[in-house]
Amino acid sequence: MDRLDLERRLDALASLAEPVRLALYRCVAGREQGLGRDEAAAAVGISRKLAAYHLDKLAEAGLLEVRFERRGGPERARRR
């Protein structure tokens, strides 16, 4: 593993130090199917907007995969 790869992995792990982000990650990682923003927000008891922010940060860190699904409206689902 080169230094750049190590830095990326450490940054990804550091992003989980935020309690809401960690709760969302655990919620999504524990499922086989994707989880939409509304579902994730409800599961951890936060607003959809806050869930979207943290889910996007987890995706940017490479901890979640984003895919687009139609769930009664435009929705992005996250998977581990």
Protein backbone atom coordinates (compact mmCIF):
# COMPACT_ATOMS: atom_id res chain seq x y z
CA MET A 1 0.00 0.00 0.00
CA ASP A 2 1.45 3.35 -0.97
CA ARG A 3 1.34 6.49 1.16
CA LEU A 4 -1.46 8.13 -0.85
CA ASP A 5 -3.67 5.05 -0.49
CA LEU A 6 -2.97 4.95 3.24
CA GLU A 7 -3.88 8.64 3.56
CA ARG A 8 -7.20 8.07 1.74
CA ARG A 9 -8.06 5.14 3.99
CA LEU A 10 -7.20 7.09 7.13
CA ASP A 11 -9.31 10.04 5.95
CA ALA A 12 -12.23 7.69 5.30
CA LEU A 13 -11.96 6.23 8.78
CA ALA A 14 -11.63 9.68 10.33
CA SER A 15 -14.92 10.69 8.73
CA LEU A 16 -16.61 8.11 10.97
CA ALA A 17 -15.54 10.04 14.10
CA GLU A 18 -18.64 12.23 13.63
CA PRO A 19 -21.41 10.47 15.64
CA VAL A 20 -24.27 11.12 13.19
CA ARG A 21 -22.13 9.96 10.28
CA LEU A 22 -21.17 6.79 12.14
CA ALA A 23 -24.81 6.07 12.98
CA LEU A 24 -25.80 6.49 9.33
CA TYR A 25 -22.92 4.30 8.16
CA ARG A 26 -23.93 1.54 10.57
CA CYS A 27 -27.53 1.82 9.41
CA VAL A 28 -26.63 1.54 5.72
CA ALA A 29 -23.83 -1.02 6.13
CA GLY A 30 -26.12 -3.37 8.03
CA ARG A 31 -28.50 -3.79 5.08
CA GLU A 32 -28.30 -5.78 1.89
CA GLN A 33 -30.51 -3.36 -0.05
CA GLY A 34 -29.85 0.32 -0.58
CA LEU A 35 -31.29 2.89 1.76
CA GLY A 36 -32.75 6.21 0.64
CA ARG A 37 -32.23 9.53 2.36
CA ASP A 38 -35.70 9.56 3.91
CA GLU A 39 -35.29 6.05 5.30
CA ALA A 40 -31.81 6.77 6.63
CA ALA A 41 -32.97 9.99 8.28
CA ALA A 42 -35.88 8.24 9.97
CA ALA A 43 -33.68 5.36 11.11
CA VAL A 44 -31.32 7.63 13.04
CA GLY A 45 -33.82 10.33 14.00
CA ILE A 46 -32.52 13.30 12.01
CA SER A 47 -33.82 15.51 9.22
CA ARG A 48 -33.61 14.43 5.59
CA LYS A 49 -31.38 17.41 4.81
CA LEU A 50 -28.90 16.49 7.54
CA ALA A 51 -28.95 12.84 6.47
CA ALA A 52 -28.29 13.84 2.86
CA TYR A 53 -25.30 15.94 3.93
CA HIS A 54 -23.71 13.14 5.94
CA LEU A 55 -24.51 10.45 3.38
CA ASP A 56 -22.84 12.56 0.70
CA LYS A 57 -19.76 12.94 2.92
CA LEU A 58 -19.62 9.17 3.43
CA ALA A 59 -19.87 8.64 -0.32
CA GLU A 60 -17.12 11.21 -0.95
CA ALA A 61 -14.91 9.34 1.52
CA GLY A 62 -15.49 6.14 -0.46
CA LEU A 63 -17.36 4.43 2.36
CA LEU A 64 -20.70 4.23 0.56
CA GLU A 65 -21.67 3.60 -3.02
CA VAL A 66 -24.36 5.84 -4.51
CA ARG A 67 -26.88 4.62 -7.02
CA PHE A 68 -30.02 6.24 -8.32
CA GLU A 69 -33.36 4.50 -7.94
CA ARG A 70 -36.91 5.58 -8.46
CA ARG A 71 -38.78 5.18 -5.18
CA GLY A 72 -41.97 7.05 -5.77
CA GLY A 73 -39.86 10.04 -6.76
CA PRO A 74 -36.24 10.85 -7.52
CA GLU A 75 -34.14 9.29 -4.80
CA ARG A 76 -30.56 8.24 -4.32
CA ALA A 77 -29.90 5.04 -2.45
CA ARG A 78 -26.69 4.30 -0.60
CA ARG A 79 -25.05 0.98 -0.16
CA ARG A 80 -21.91 -0.16 1.56
